[in-house]
Amino acid sequence: MNIVRIHTGADGESHFEDVTVELKDQSGMGKISDLWRGKGVMFREVSGNYDLDFHTAPRRQFVVNLTGSVDIEIGDGTVRRMGPGSILLAEDTTGRGHKSRNVGGEPRACLFIPLDGGQ
């Protein structure tokens, strides 16, 4: 399973990384990853007019888009569009952070899943 990671580099800027989460076969019951320890789930809805300037992630967390899309921009101008079903591992808790803005004026619903220290 592929996810997008955003993290702070040694330069203090946020960087994207494509990450493959390993899934293990469960003998005919599909595939599953190792457990990622977390602290709960938060539900979020935002209107279609949000446009957040540079900010850091408030904690290490997964952001799972349910409906709508968001454009995430890092300091070098690179933009990634996260649509419904996409998963972002937000780990840029220091440095300048990233920008988040609406796509096409559509509202967005997502889950925030705060994570413990390491996987």
PDB file of N, CA and C in Angstrom:
ATOM      1  N   MET A   1       0.856  -1.165   0.000  1.00  0.00           N
ATOM      2  CA  MET A   1       0.000   0.000   0.000  1.00  0.00           C
ATOM      3  C   MET A   1       0.902   1.227   0.000  1.00  0.00           C
ATOM      4  N   ASN A   2       0.579   2.196  -0.838  1.00  0.00           N
ATOM      5  CA  ASN A   2       1.404   3.399  -0.961  1.00  0.00           C
ATOM      6  C   ASN A   2       0.789   4.564  -0.198  1.00  0.00           C
ATOM      7  N   ILE A   3       1.647   5.288   0.516  1.00  0.00           N
ATOM      8  CA  ILE A   3       1.239   6.503   1.212  1.00  0.00           C
ATOM      9  C   ILE A   3       2.262   7.584   0.902  1.00  0.00           C
ATOM     10  N   VAL A   4       1.903   8.827   1.198  1.00  0.00           N
ATOM     11  CA  VAL A   4       2.824   9.953   1.025  1.00  0.00           C
ATOM     12  C   VAL A   4       3.248  10.415   2.410  1.00  0.00           C
ATOM     13  N   ARG A   5       4.533  10.543   2.605  1.00  0.00           N
ATOM     14  CA  ARG A   5       5.088  11.049   3.863  1.00  0.00           C
ATOM     15  C   ARG A   5       5.578  12.470   3.631  1.00  0.00           C
ATOM     16  N   ILE A   6       5.313  13.344   4.602  1.00  0.00           N
ATOM     17  CA  ILE A   6       5.883  14.687   4.584  1.00  0.00           C
ATOM     18  C   ILE A   6       6.678  14.834   5.875  1.00  0.00           C
ATOM     19  N   HIS A   7       7.928  15.258   5.752  1.00  0.00           N
ATOM     20  CA  HIS A   7       8.810  15.330   6.918  1.00  0.00           C
ATOM     21  C   HIS A   7       9.731  16.535   6.795  1.00  0.00           C
ATOM     22  N   THR A   8      10.335  16.916   7.901  1.00  0.00           N
ATOM     23  CA  THR A   8      11.265  18.039   7.922  1.00  0.00           C
ATOM     24  C   THR A   8      12.677  17.535   7.670  1.00  0.00           C
ATOM     25  N   GLY A   9      13.352  18.144   6.697  1.00  0.00           N
ATOM     26  CA  GLY A   9      14.729  17.784   6.412  1.00  0.00           C
ATOM     27  C   GLY A   9      15.697  18.594   7.262  1.00  0.00           C
ATOM     28  N   ALA A  10      16.985  18.291   7.124  1.00  0.00           N
ATOM     29  CA  ALA A  10      18.034  19.008   7.859  1.00  0.00           C
ATOM     30  C   ALA A  10      18.057  20.488   7.501  1.00  0.00           C
ATOM     31  N   ASP A  11      17.478  20.842   6.340  1.00  0.00           N
ATOM     32  CA  ASP A  11      17.438  22.230   5.893  1.00  0.00           C
ATOM     33  C   ASP A  11      16.281  23.022   6.509  1.00  0.00           C
ATOM     34  N   GLY A  12      15.457  22.367   7.366  1.00  0.00           N
ATOM     35  CA  GLY A  12      14.327  23.038   7.990  1.00  0.00           C
ATOM     36  C   GLY A  12      13.102  23.133   7.097  1.00  0.00           C
ATOM     37  N   GLU A  13      13.171  22.567   5.907  1.00  0.00           N
ATOM     38  CA  GLU A  13      12.053  22.585   4.963  1.00  0.00           C
ATOM     39  C   GLU A  13      11.349  21.226   4.962  1.00  0.00           C
ATOM     40  N   SER A  14      10.088  21.240   4.581  1.00  0.00           N
ATOM     41  CA  SER A  14       9.335  20.000   4.449  1.00  0.00           C
ATOM     42  C   SER A  14       9.665  19.331   3.122  1.00  0.00           C
ATOM     43  N   HIS A  15       9.647  18.009   3.132  1.00  0.00           N
ATOM     44  CA  HIS A  15       9.949  17.216   1.950  1.00  0.00           C
ATOM     45  C   HIS A  15       8.931  16.091   1.829  1.00  0.00           C
ATOM     46  N   PHE A  16       8.600  15.719   0.589  1.00  0.00           N
ATOM     47  CA  PHE A  16       7.722  14.591   0.323  1.00  0.00           C
ATOM     48  C   PHE A  16       8.556  13.327   0.143  1.00  0.00           C
ATOM     49  N   GLU A  17       7.966  12.206   0.508  1.00  0.00           N
ATOM     50  CA  GLU A  17       8.569  10.898   0.260  1.00  0.00           C
ATOM     51  C   GLU A  17       7.438   9.911  -0.004  1.00  0.00           C
ATOM     52  N   ASP A  18       7.567   9.133  -1.053  1.00  0.00           N
ATOM     53  CA  ASP A  18       6.610   8.064  -1.323  1.00  0.00           C
ATOM     54  C   ASP A  18       7.039   6.841  -0.525  1.00  0.00           C
ATOM     55  N   VAL A  19       6.120   6.297   0.246  1.00  0.00           N
ATOM     56  CA  VAL A  19       6.418   5.176   1.135  1.00  0.00           C
ATOM     57  C   VAL A  19       5.486   4.017   0.804  1.00  0.00           C
ATOM     58  N   THR A  20       6.046   2.833   0.750  1.00  0.00           N
ATOM     59  CA  THR A  20       5.250   1.629   0.585  1.00  0.00           C
ATOM     60  C   THR A  20       5.148   0.940   1.936  1.00  0.00           C
ATOM     61  N   VAL A  21       3.922   0.775   2.410  1.00  0.00           N
ATOM     62  CA  VAL A  21       3.675   0.061   3.659  1.00  0.00           C
ATOM     63  C   VAL A  21       3.572  -1.418   3.317  1.00  0.00           C
ATOM     64  N   GLU A  22       4.424  -2.218   3.941  1.00  0.00           N
ATOM     65  CA  GLU A  22       4.442  -3.649   3.662  1.00  0.00           C
ATOM     66  C   GLU A  22       3.186  -4.306   4.217  1.00  0.00           C
ATOM     67  N   LEU A  23       2.565  -5.134   3.389  1.00  0.00           N
ATOM     68  CA  LEU A  23       1.394  -5.897   3.802  1.00  0.00           C
ATOM     69  C   LEU A  23       1.744  -7.379   3.763  1.00  0.00           C
ATOM     70  N   LYS A  24       1.317  -8.092   4.794  1.00  0.00           N
ATOM     71  CA  LYS A  24       1.621  -9.516   4.897  1.00  0.00           C
ATOM     72  C   LYS A  24       0.364 -10.331   4.649  1.00  0.00           C
ATOM     73  N   ASP A  25       0.532 -11.447   3.929  1.00  0.00           N
ATOM     74  CA  ASP A  25      -0.594 -12.328   3.602  1.00  0.00           C
ATOM     75  C   ASP A  25      -1.154 -12.952   4.868  1.00  0.00           C
ATOM     76  N   GLN A  26      -2.484 -13.024   4.932  1.00  0.00           N
ATOM     77  CA  GLN A  26      -3.163 -13.610   6.087  1.00  0.00           C
ATOM     78  C   GLN A  26      -3.900 -14.893   5.714  1.00  0.00           C
ATOM     79  N   SER A  27      -3.283 -15.734   4.942  1.00  0.00           N
ATOM     80  CA  SER A  27      -3.854 -17.040   4.590  1.00  0.00           C
ATOM     81  C   SER A  27      -5.297 -16.969   4.121  1.00  0.00           C
ATOM     82  N   GLY A  28      -5.512 -16.293   2.994  1.00  0.00           N
ATOM     83  CA  GLY A  28      -6.830 -16.227   2.396  1.00  0.00           C
ATOM     84  C   GLY A  28      -7.732 -15.145   2.961  1.00  0.00           C
ATOM     85  N   MET A  29      -7.283 -14.414   3.964  1.00  0.00           N
ATOM     86  CA  MET A  29      -8.095 -13.349   4.561  1.00  0.00           C
ATOM     87  C   MET A  29      -7.578 -11.968   4.154  1.00  0.00           C
ATOM     88  N   GLY A  30      -6.866 -11.895   3.038  1.00  0.00           N
ATOM     89  CA  GLY A  30      -6.319 -10.627   2.586  1.00  0.00           C
ATOM     90  C   GLY A  30      -4.929 -10.394   3.133  1.00  0.00           C
ATOM     91  N   LYS A  31      -4.519  -9.133   3.108  1.00  0.00           N
ATOM     92  CA  LYS A  31      -3.186  -8.751   3.578  1.00  0.00           C
ATOM     93  C   LYS A  31      -3.338  -7.649   4.620  1.00  0.00           C
ATOM     94  N   ILE A  32      -2.376  -7.581   5.536  1.00  0.00           N
ATOM     95  CA  ILE A  32      -2.436  -6.592   6.613  1.00  0.00           C
ATOM     96  C   ILE A  32      -1.017  -6.140   6.961  1.00  0.00           C
ATOM     97  N   SER A  33      -0.897  -4.893   7.411  1.00  0.00           N
ATOM     98  CA  SER A  33       0.396  -4.352   7.819  1.00  0.00           C
ATOM     99  C   SER A  33       0.637  -4.658   9.294  1.00  0.00           C
ATOM    100  N   ASP A  34       1.846  -4.370   9.742  1.00  0.00           N
ATOM    101  CA  ASP A  34       2.123  -4.385  11.174  1.00  0.00           C
ATOM    102  C   ASP A  34       1.319  -3.265  11.823  1.00  0.00           C
ATOM    103  N   LEU A  35       1.144  -3.331  13.119  1.00  0.00           N
ATOM    104  CA  LEU A  35       0.394  -2.334  13.865  1.00  0.00           C
ATOM    105  C   LEU A  35       1.171  -1.023  13.970  1.00  0.00           C
ATOM    106  N   TRP A  36       0.510   0.083  13.681  1.00  0.00           N
ATOM    107  CA  TRP A  36       1.041   1.420  13.925  1.00  0.00           C
ATOM    108  C   TRP A  36       0.313   1.910  15.184  1.00  0.00           C
ATOM    109  N   ARG A  37       1.002   2.105  16.261  1.00  0.00           N
ATOM    110  CA  ARG A  37       0.365   2.500  17.516  1.00  0.00           C
ATOM    111  C   ARG A  37      -0.080   3.955  17.453  1.00  0.00           C
ATOM    112  N   GLY A  38      -1.310   4.183  17.910  1.00  0.00           N
ATOM    113  CA  GLY A  38      -1.867   5.521  17.858  1.00  0.00           C
ATOM    114  C   GLY A  38      -2.555   5.908  19.144  1.00  0.00           C
ATOM    115  N   LYS A  39      -3.136   7.114  19.114  1.00  0.00           N
ATOM    116  CA  LYS A  39      -3.739   7.685  20.311  1.00  0.00           C
ATOM    117  C   LYS A  39      -5.221   7.979  20.147  1.00  0.00           C
ATOM    118  N   GLY A  40      -5.840   7.544  19.073  1.00  0.00           N
ATOM    119  CA  GLY A  40      -7.243   7.833  18.854  1.00  0.00           C
ATOM    120  C   GLY A  40      -7.474   8.312  17.440  1.00  0.00           C
ATOM    121  N   VAL A  41      -8.666   8.824  17.201  1.00  0.00           N
ATOM    122  CA  VAL A  41      -9.045   9.314  15.883  1.00  0.00           C
ATOM    123  C   VAL A  41      -9.787  10.632  16.055  1.00  0.00           C
ATOM    124  N   MET A  42      -9.501  11.582  15.164  1.00  0.00           N
ATOM    125  CA  MET A  42     -10.239  12.843  15.129  1.00  0.00           C
ATOM    126  C   MET A  42     -10.878  12.964  13.754  1.00  0.00           C
ATOM    127  N   PHE A  43     -12.090  13.470  13.718  1.00  0.00           N
ATOM    128  CA  PHE A  43     -12.810  13.689  12.474  1.00  0.00           C
ATOM    129  C   PHE A  43     -12.765  15.178  12.170  1.00  0.00           C
ATOM    130  N   ARG A  44     -12.575  15.535  10.897  1.00  0.00           N
ATOM    131  CA  ARG A  44     -12.465  16.951  10.540  1.00  0.00           C
ATOM    132  C   ARG A  44     -13.219  17.224   9.251  1.00  0.00           C
ATOM    133  N   GLU A  45     -13.897  18.350   9.228  1.00  0.00           N
ATOM    134  CA  GLU A  45     -14.502  18.868   8.008  1.00  0.00           C
ATOM    135  C   GLU A  45     -14.021  20.296   7.835  1.00  0.00           C
ATOM    136  N   VAL A  46     -13.703  20.667   6.606  1.00  0.00           N
ATOM    137  CA  VAL A  46     -13.320  22.041   6.295  1.00  0.00           C
ATOM    138  C   VAL A  46     -14.137  22.508   5.104  1.00  0.00           C
ATOM    139  N   SER A  47     -14.437  23.793   5.087  1.00  0.00           N
ATOM    140  CA  SER A  47     -15.207  24.359   3.987  1.00  0.00           C
ATOM    141  C   SER A  47     -14.332  24.432   2.738  1.00  0.00           C
ATOM    142  N   GLY A  48     -14.934  24.758   1.652  1.00  0.00           N
ATOM    143  CA  GLY A  48     -14.215  24.814   0.382  1.00  0.00           C
ATOM    144  C   GLY A  48     -13.429  26.080   0.157  1.00  0.00           C
ATOM    145  N   ASN A  49     -13.285  26.929   1.183  1.00  0.00           N
ATOM    146  CA  ASN A  49     -12.545  28.179   0.979  1.00  0.00           C
ATOM    147  C   ASN A  49     -11.275  28.271   1.817  1.00  0.00           C
ATOM    148  N   TYR A  50     -10.828  27.165   2.407  1.00  0.00           N
ATOM    149  CA  TYR A  50      -9.622  27.255   3.238  1.00  0.00           C
ATOM    150  C   TYR A  50      -8.367  27.350   2.382  1.00  0.00           C
ATOM    151  N   ASP A  51      -7.401  28.077   2.910  1.00  0.00           N
ATOM    152  CA  ASP A  51      -6.118  28.285   2.244  1.00  0.00           C
ATOM    153  C   ASP A  51      -5.118  28.614   3.341  1.00  0.00           C
ATOM    154  N   LEU A  52      -4.463  27.587   3.876  1.00  0.00           N
ATOM    155  CA  LEU A  52      -3.565  27.765   5.010  1.00  0.00           C
ATOM    156  C   LEU A  52      -2.140  28.032   4.546  1.00  0.00           C
ATOM    157  N   ASP A  53      -1.550  29.099   5.055  1.00  0.00           N
ATOM    158  CA  ASP A  53      -0.157  29.424   4.743  1.00  0.00           C
ATOM    159  C   ASP A  53       0.747  28.400   5.444  1.00  0.00           C
ATOM    160  N   PHE A  54       2.045  28.589   5.381  1.00  0.00           N
ATOM    161  CA  PHE A  54       2.981  27.628   5.953  1.00  0.00           C
ATOM    162  C   PHE A  54       2.643  27.345   7.415  1.00  0.00           C
ATOM    163  N   HIS A  55       2.572  26.063   7.743  1.00  0.00           N
ATOM    164  CA  HIS A  55       2.316  25.596   9.099  1.00  0.00           C
ATOM    165  C   HIS A  55       2.898  24.193   9.234  1.00  0.00           C
ATOM    166  N   THR A  56       3.226  23.809  10.444  1.00  0.00           N
ATOM    167  CA  THR A  56       3.732  22.469  10.702  1.00  0.00           C
ATOM    168  C   THR A  56       2.584  21.570  11.146  1.00  0.00           C
ATOM    169  N   ALA A  57       2.801  20.285  11.038  1.00  0.00           N
ATOM    170  CA  ALA A  57       1.842  19.324  11.586  1.00  0.00           C
ATOM    171  C   ALA A  57       1.887  19.463  13.110  1.00  0.00           C
ATOM    172  N   PRO A  58       0.728  19.458  13.770  1.00  0.00           N
ATOM    173  CA  PRO A  58       0.720  19.639  15.221  1.00  0.00           C
ATOM    174  C   PRO A  58       1.240  18.429  15.986  1.00  0.00           C
ATOM    175  N   ARG A  59       1.336  17.304  15.305  1.00  0.00           N
ATOM    176  CA  ARG A  59       1.800  16.063  15.906  1.00  0.00           C
ATOM    177  C   ARG A  59       2.087  15.095  14.761  1.00  0.00           C
ATOM    178  N   ARG A  60       2.760  14.006  15.038  1.00  0.00           N
ATOM    179  CA  ARG A  60       2.940  12.950  14.044  1.00  0.00           C
ATOM    180  C   ARG A  60       1.590  12.263  13.875  1.00  0.00           C
ATOM    181  N   GLN A  61       1.084  12.228  12.630  1.00  0.00           N
ATOM    182  CA  GLN A  61      -0.259  11.697  12.423  1.00  0.00           C
ATOM    183  C   GLN A  61      -0.483  11.273  10.983  1.00  0.00           C
ATOM    184  N   PHE A  62      -1.437  10.353  10.824  1.00  0.00           N
ATOM    185  CA  PHE A  62      -1.960  10.055   9.505  1.00  0.00           C
ATOM    186  C   PHE A  62      -3.100  11.022   9.236  1.00  0.00           C
ATOM    187  N   VAL A  63      -3.213  11.467   7.989  1.00  0.00           N
ATOM    188  CA  VAL A  63      -4.363  12.238   7.529  1.00  0.00           C
ATOM    189  C   VAL A  63      -4.958  11.426   6.382  1.00  0.00           C
ATOM    190  N   VAL A  64      -6.173  10.941   6.584  1.00  0.00           N
ATOM    191  CA  VAL A  64      -6.844  10.108   5.597  1.00  0.00           C
ATOM    192  C   VAL A  64      -7.989  10.920   4.998  1.00  0.00           C
ATOM    193  N   ASN A  65      -7.889  11.235   3.722  1.00  0.00           N
ATOM    194  CA  ASN A  65      -8.954  11.994   3.055  1.00  0.00           C
ATOM    195  C   ASN A  65     -10.130  11.081   2.776  1.00  0.00           C
ATOM    196  N   LEU A  66     -11.301  11.528   3.167  1.00  0.00           N
ATOM    197  CA  LEU A  66     -12.537  10.780   2.913  1.00  0.00           C
ATOM    198  C   LEU A  66     -13.271  11.345   1.703  1.00  0.00           C
ATOM    199  N   THR A  67     -13.491  12.660   1.708  1.00  0.00           N
ATOM    200  CA  THR A  67     -14.134  13.339   0.584  1.00  0.00           C
ATOM    201  C   THR A  67     -13.385  14.614   0.292  1.00  0.00           C
ATOM    202  N   GLY A  68     -13.460  15.072  -0.933  1.00  0.00           N
ATOM    203  CA  GLY A  68     -12.763  16.295  -1.318  1.00  0.00           C
ATOM    204  C   GLY A  68     -11.274  16.057  -1.494  1.00  0.00           C
ATOM    205  N   SER A  69     -10.572  17.115  -1.881  1.00  0.00           N
ATOM    206  CA  SER A  69      -9.138  17.036  -2.132  1.00  0.00           C
ATOM    207  C   SER A  69      -8.444  18.221  -1.493  1.00  0.00           C
ATOM    208  N   VAL A  70      -7.145  18.080  -1.277  1.00  0.00           N
ATOM    209  CA  VAL A  70      -6.325  19.158  -0.737  1.00  0.00           C
ATOM    210  C   VAL A  70      -5.014  19.181  -1.505  1.00  0.00           C
ATOM    211  N   ASP A  71      -4.535  20.386  -1.810  1.00  0.00           N
ATOM    212  CA  ASP A  71      -3.201  20.549  -2.379  1.00  0.00           C
ATOM    213  C   ASP A  71      -2.252  20.875  -1.248  1.00  0.00           C
ATOM    214  N   ILE A  72      -1.187  20.086  -1.111  1.00  0.00           N
ATOM    215  CA  ILE A  72      -0.145  20.303  -0.111  1.00  0.00           C
ATOM    216  C   ILE A  72       1.082  20.817  -0.847  1.00  0.00           C
ATOM    217  N   GLU A  73       1.602  21.975  -0.418  1.00  0.00           N
ATOM    218  CA  GLU A  73       2.774  22.580  -1.054  1.00  0.00           C
ATOM    219  C   GLU A  73       3.905  22.681  -0.049  1.00  0.00           C
ATOM    220  N   ILE A  74       5.112  22.307  -0.488  1.00  0.00           N
ATOM    221  CA  ILE A  74       6.291  22.431   0.359  1.00  0.00           C
ATOM    222  C   ILE A  74       7.124  23.627  -0.100  1.00  0.00           C
ATOM    223  N   GLY A  75       8.170  23.935   0.656  1.00  0.00           N
ATOM    224  CA  GLY A  75       8.954  25.150   0.451  1.00  0.00           C
ATOM    225  C   GLY A  75       9.547  25.333  -0.931  1.00  0.00           C
ATOM    226  N   ASP A  76       9.879  24.245  -1.634  1.00  0.00           N
ATOM    227  CA  ASP A  76      10.475  24.396  -2.968  1.00  0.00           C
ATOM    228  C   ASP A  76       9.421  24.570  -4.059  1.00  0.00           C
ATOM    229  N   GLY A  77       8.142  24.664  -3.661  1.00  0.00           N
ATOM    230  CA  GLY A  77       7.066  24.871  -4.625  1.00  0.00           C
ATOM    231  C   GLY A  77       6.409  23.601  -5.134  1.00  0.00           C
ATOM    232  N   THR A  78       6.927  22.433  -4.747  1.00  0.00           N
ATOM    233  CA  THR A  78       6.326  21.175  -5.159  1.00  0.00           C
ATOM    234  C   THR A  78       4.950  21.028  -4.510  1.00  0.00           C
ATOM    235  N   VAL A  79       3.965  20.614  -5.305  1.00  0.00           N
ATOM    236  CA  VAL A  79       2.596  20.442  -4.817  1.00  0.00           C
ATOM    237  C   VAL A  79       2.167  19.003  -5.065  1.00  0.00           C
ATOM    238  N   ARG A  80       1.549  18.409  -4.067  1.00  0.00           N
ATOM    239  CA  ARG A  80       0.943  17.086  -4.210  1.00  0.00           C
ATOM    240  C   ARG A  80      -0.548  17.227  -3.915  1.00  0.00           C
ATOM    241  N   ARG A  81      -1.376  16.679  -4.771  1.00  0.00           N
ATOM    242  CA  ARG A  81      -2.822  16.681  -4.557  1.00  0.00           C
ATOM    243  C   ARG A  81      -3.216  15.367  -3.881  1.00  0.00           C
ATOM    244  N   MET A  82      -3.870  15.512  -2.741  1.00  0.00           N
ATOM    245  CA  MET A  82      -4.326  14.365  -1.974  1.00  0.00           C
ATOM    246  C   MET A  82      -5.843  14.281  -2.131  1.00  0.00           C
ATOM    247  N   GLY A  83      -6.319  13.262  -2.841  1.00  0.00           N
ATOM    248  CA  GLY A  83      -7.742  13.105  -3.105  1.00  0.00           C
ATOM    249  C   GLY A  83      -8.392  12.105  -2.166  1.00  0.00           C
ATOM    250  N   PRO A  84      -9.670  11.812  -2.388  1.00  0.00           N
ATOM    251  CA  PRO A  84     -10.375  10.854  -1.548  1.00  0.00           C
ATOM    252  C   PRO A  84      -9.659   9.506  -1.514  1.00  0.00           C
ATOM    253  N   GLY A  85      -9.504   8.969  -0.317  1.00  0.00           N
ATOM    254  CA  GLY A  85      -8.830   7.689  -0.145  1.00  0.00           C
ATOM    255  C   GLY A  85      -7.326   7.795   0.033  1.00  0.00           C
ATOM    256  N   SER A  86      -6.756   8.972  -0.169  1.00  0.00           N
ATOM    257  CA  SER A  86      -5.302   9.110  -0.017  1.00  0.00           C
ATOM    258  C   SER A  86      -4.924   9.179   1.456  1.00  0.00           C
ATOM    259  N   ILE A  87      -3.686   8.766   1.742  1.00  0.00           N
ATOM    260  CA  ILE A  87      -3.186   8.751   3.111  1.00  0.00           C
ATOM    261  C   ILE A  87      -1.876   9.535   3.151  1.00  0.00           C
ATOM    262  N   LEU A  88      -1.832  10.531   4.040  1.00  0.00           N
ATOM    263  CA  LEU A  88      -0.633  11.336   4.258  1.00  0.00           C
ATOM    264  C   LEU A  88      -0.093  11.025   5.640  1.00  0.00           C
ATOM    265  N   LEU A  89       1.189  10.704   5.729  1.00  0.00           N
ATOM    266  CA  LEU A  89       1.869  10.566   7.012  1.00  0.00           C
ATOM    267  C   LEU A  89       2.548  11.894   7.287  1.00  0.00           C
ATOM    268  N   ALA A  90       1.944  12.701   8.151  1.00  0.00           N
ATOM    269  CA  ALA A  90       2.453  14.053   8.439  1.00  0.00           C
ATOM    270  C   ALA A  90       3.447  13.979   9.589  1.00  0.00           C
ATOM    271  N   GLU A  91       4.711  14.267   9.277  1.00  0.00           N
ATOM    272  CA  GLU A  91       5.771  14.236  10.287  1.00  0.00           C
ATOM    273  C   GLU A  91       6.612  15.506  10.266  1.00  0.00           C
ATOM    274  N   ASP A  92       6.135  16.556   9.593  1.00  0.00           N
ATOM    275  CA  ASP A  92       6.895  17.814   9.548  1.00  0.00           C
ATOM    276  C   ASP A  92       6.443  18.707  10.714  1.00  0.00           C
ATOM    277  N   THR A  93       6.812  18.282  11.915  1.00  0.00           N
ATOM    278  CA  THR A  93       6.388  18.976  13.131  1.00  0.00           C
ATOM    279  C   THR A  93       7.318  20.120  13.532  1.00  0.00           C
ATOM    280  N   THR A  94       8.393  20.295  12.799  1.00  0.00           N
ATOM    281  CA  THR A  94       9.334  21.392  13.040  1.00  0.00           C
ATOM    282  C   THR A  94       9.628  22.070  11.704  1.00  0.00           C
ATOM    283  N   GLY A  95      10.382  23.146  11.749  1.00  0.00           N
ATOM    284  CA  GLY A  95      10.764  23.837  10.521  1.00  0.00           C
ATOM    285  C   GLY A  95       9.656  24.750  10.023  1.00  0.00           C
ATOM    286  N   ARG A  96       9.704  25.076   8.728  1.00  0.00           N
ATOM    287  CA  ARG A  96       8.737  26.001   8.132  1.00  0.00           C
ATOM    288  C   ARG A  96       7.390  25.358   7.882  1.00  0.00           C
ATOM    289  N   GLY A  97       7.363  24.054   7.631  1.00  0.00           N
ATOM    290  CA  GLY A  97       6.101  23.364   7.401  1.00  0.00           C
ATOM    291  C   GLY A  97       5.673  23.376   5.953  1.00  0.00           C
ATOM    292  N   HIS A  98       4.377  23.327   5.741  1.00  0.00           N
ATOM    293  CA  HIS A  98       3.785  23.193   4.416  1.00  0.00           C
ATOM    294  C   HIS A  98       2.535  24.058   4.320  1.00  0.00           C
ATOM    295  N   LYS A  99       2.054  24.261   3.106  1.00  0.00           N
ATOM    296  CA  LYS A  99       0.800  24.961   2.870  1.00  0.00           C
ATOM    297  C   LYS A  99      -0.273  23.931   2.540  1.00  0.00           C
ATOM    298  N   SER A 100      -1.522  24.242   2.903  1.00  0.00           N
ATOM    299  CA  SER A 100      -2.671  23.393   2.557  1.00  0.00           C
ATOM    300  C   SER A 100      -3.744  24.287   1.963  1.00  0.00           C
ATOM    301  N   ARG A 101      -4.285  23.879   0.806  1.00  0.00           N
ATOM    302  CA  ARG A 101      -5.357  24.699   0.222  1.00  0.00           C
ATOM    303  C   ARG A 101      -6.398  23.828  -0.462  1.00  0.00           C
ATOM    304  N   ASN A 102      -7.604  24.387  -0.514  1.00  0.00           N
ATOM    305  CA  ASN A 102      -8.730  23.677  -1.112  1.00  0.00           C
ATOM    306  C   ASN A 102      -8.509  23.481  -2.606  1.00  0.00           C
ATOM    307  N   VAL A 103      -9.260  22.557  -3.138  1.00  0.00           N
ATOM    308  CA  VAL A 103      -9.223  22.275  -4.571  1.00  0.00           C
ATOM    309  C   VAL A 103     -10.618  22.519  -5.124  1.00  0.00           C
ATOM    310  N   GLY A 104     -10.736  23.468  -6.019  1.00  0.00           N
ATOM    311  CA  GLY A 104     -11.991  23.720  -6.704  1.00  0.00           C
ATOM    312  C   GLY A 104     -13.134  24.181  -5.817  1.00  0.00           C
ATOM    313  N   GLY A 105     -12.823  24.715  -4.640  1.00  0.00           N
ATOM    314  CA  GLY A 105     -13.862  25.219  -3.761  1.00  0.00           C
ATOM    315  C   GLY A 105     -14.712  24.138  -3.111  1.00  0.00           C
ATOM    316  N   GLU A 106     -14.251  22.896  -3.163  1.00  0.00           N
ATOM    317  CA  GLU A 106     -15.050  21.821  -2.578  1.00  0.00           C
ATOM    318  C   GLU A 106     -14.685  21.597  -1.107  1.00  0.00           C
ATOM    319  N   PRO A 107     -15.664  21.310  -0.260  1.00  0.00           N
ATOM    320  CA  PRO A 107     -15.373  20.985   1.134  1.00  0.00           C
ATOM    321  C   PRO A 107     -14.641  19.643   1.203  1.00  0.00           C
ATOM    322  N   ARG A 108     -14.053  19.384   2.359  1.00  0.00           N
ATOM    323  CA  ARG A 108     -13.270  18.155   2.525  1.00  0.00           C
ATOM    324  C   ARG A 108     -13.545  17.565   3.894  1.00  0.00           C
ATOM    325  N   ALA A 109     -13.633  16.257   3.956  1.00  0.00           N
ATOM    326  CA  ALA A 109     -13.745  15.529   5.217  1.00  0.00           C
ATOM    327  C   ALA A 109     -12.555  14.581   5.310  1.00  0.00           C
ATOM    328  N   CYS A 110     -11.968  14.501   6.494  1.00  0.00           N
ATOM    329  CA  CYS A 110     -10.811  13.624   6.677  1.00  0.00           C
ATOM    330  C   CYS A 110     -10.749  13.107   8.103  1.00  0.00           C
ATOM    331  N   LEU A 111      -9.907  12.122   8.295  1.00  0.00           N
ATOM    332  CA  LEU A 111      -9.599  11.572   9.609  1.00  0.00           C
ATOM    333  C   LEU A 111      -8.175  11.957   9.957  1.00  0.00           C
ATOM    334  N   PHE A 112      -7.950  12.375  11.193  1.00  0.00           N
ATOM    335  CA  PHE A 112      -6.611  12.538  11.750  1.00  0.00           C
ATOM    336  C   PHE A 112      -6.410  11.385  12.714  1.00  0.00           C
ATOM    337  N   ILE A 113      -5.323  10.664  12.542  1.00  0.00           N
ATOM    338  CA  ILE A 113      -5.005   9.536  13.425  1.00  0.00           C
ATOM    339  C   ILE A 113      -3.640   9.827  14.047  1.00  0.00           C
ATOM    340  N   PRO A 114      -3.605  10.415  15.252  1.00  0.00           N
ATOM    341  CA  PRO A 114      -2.338  10.703  15.919  1.00  0.00           C
ATOM    342  C   PRO A 114      -1.579   9.398  16.208  1.00  0.00           C
ATOM    343  N   LEU A 115      -0.272   9.424  15.983  1.00  0.00           N
ATOM    344  CA  LEU A 115       0.556   8.238  16.147  1.00  0.00           C
ATOM    345  C   LEU A 115       1.511   8.399  17.319  1.00  0.00           C
ATOM    346  N   ASP A 116       1.850   7.282  17.929  1.00  0.00           N
ATOM    347  CA  ASP A 116       2.898   7.272  18.936  1.00  0.00           C
ATOM    348  C   ASP A 116       4.236   7.481  18.237  1.00  0.00           C
ATOM    349  N   GLY A 117       5.302   7.639  18.992  1.00  0.00           N
ATOM    350  CA  GLY A 117       6.643   7.934  18.481  1.00  0.00           C
ATOM    351  C   GLY A 117       7.061   7.223  17.220  1.00  0.00           C
ATOM    352  N   GLY A 118       7.438   5.955  17.282  1.00  0.00           N
ATOM    353  CA  GLY A 118       7.867   5.224  16.095  1.00  0.00           C
ATOM    354  C   GLY A 118       6.797   4.256  15.645  1.00  0.00           C
ATOM    355  N   GLN A 119       7.033   3.626  14.496  1.00  0.00           N
ATOM    356  CA  GLN A 119       6.037   2.657  13.997  1.00  0.00           C
ATOM    357  C   GLN A 119       6.032   1.428  14.842  1.00  0.00           C
TER     358      GLN A 119
END
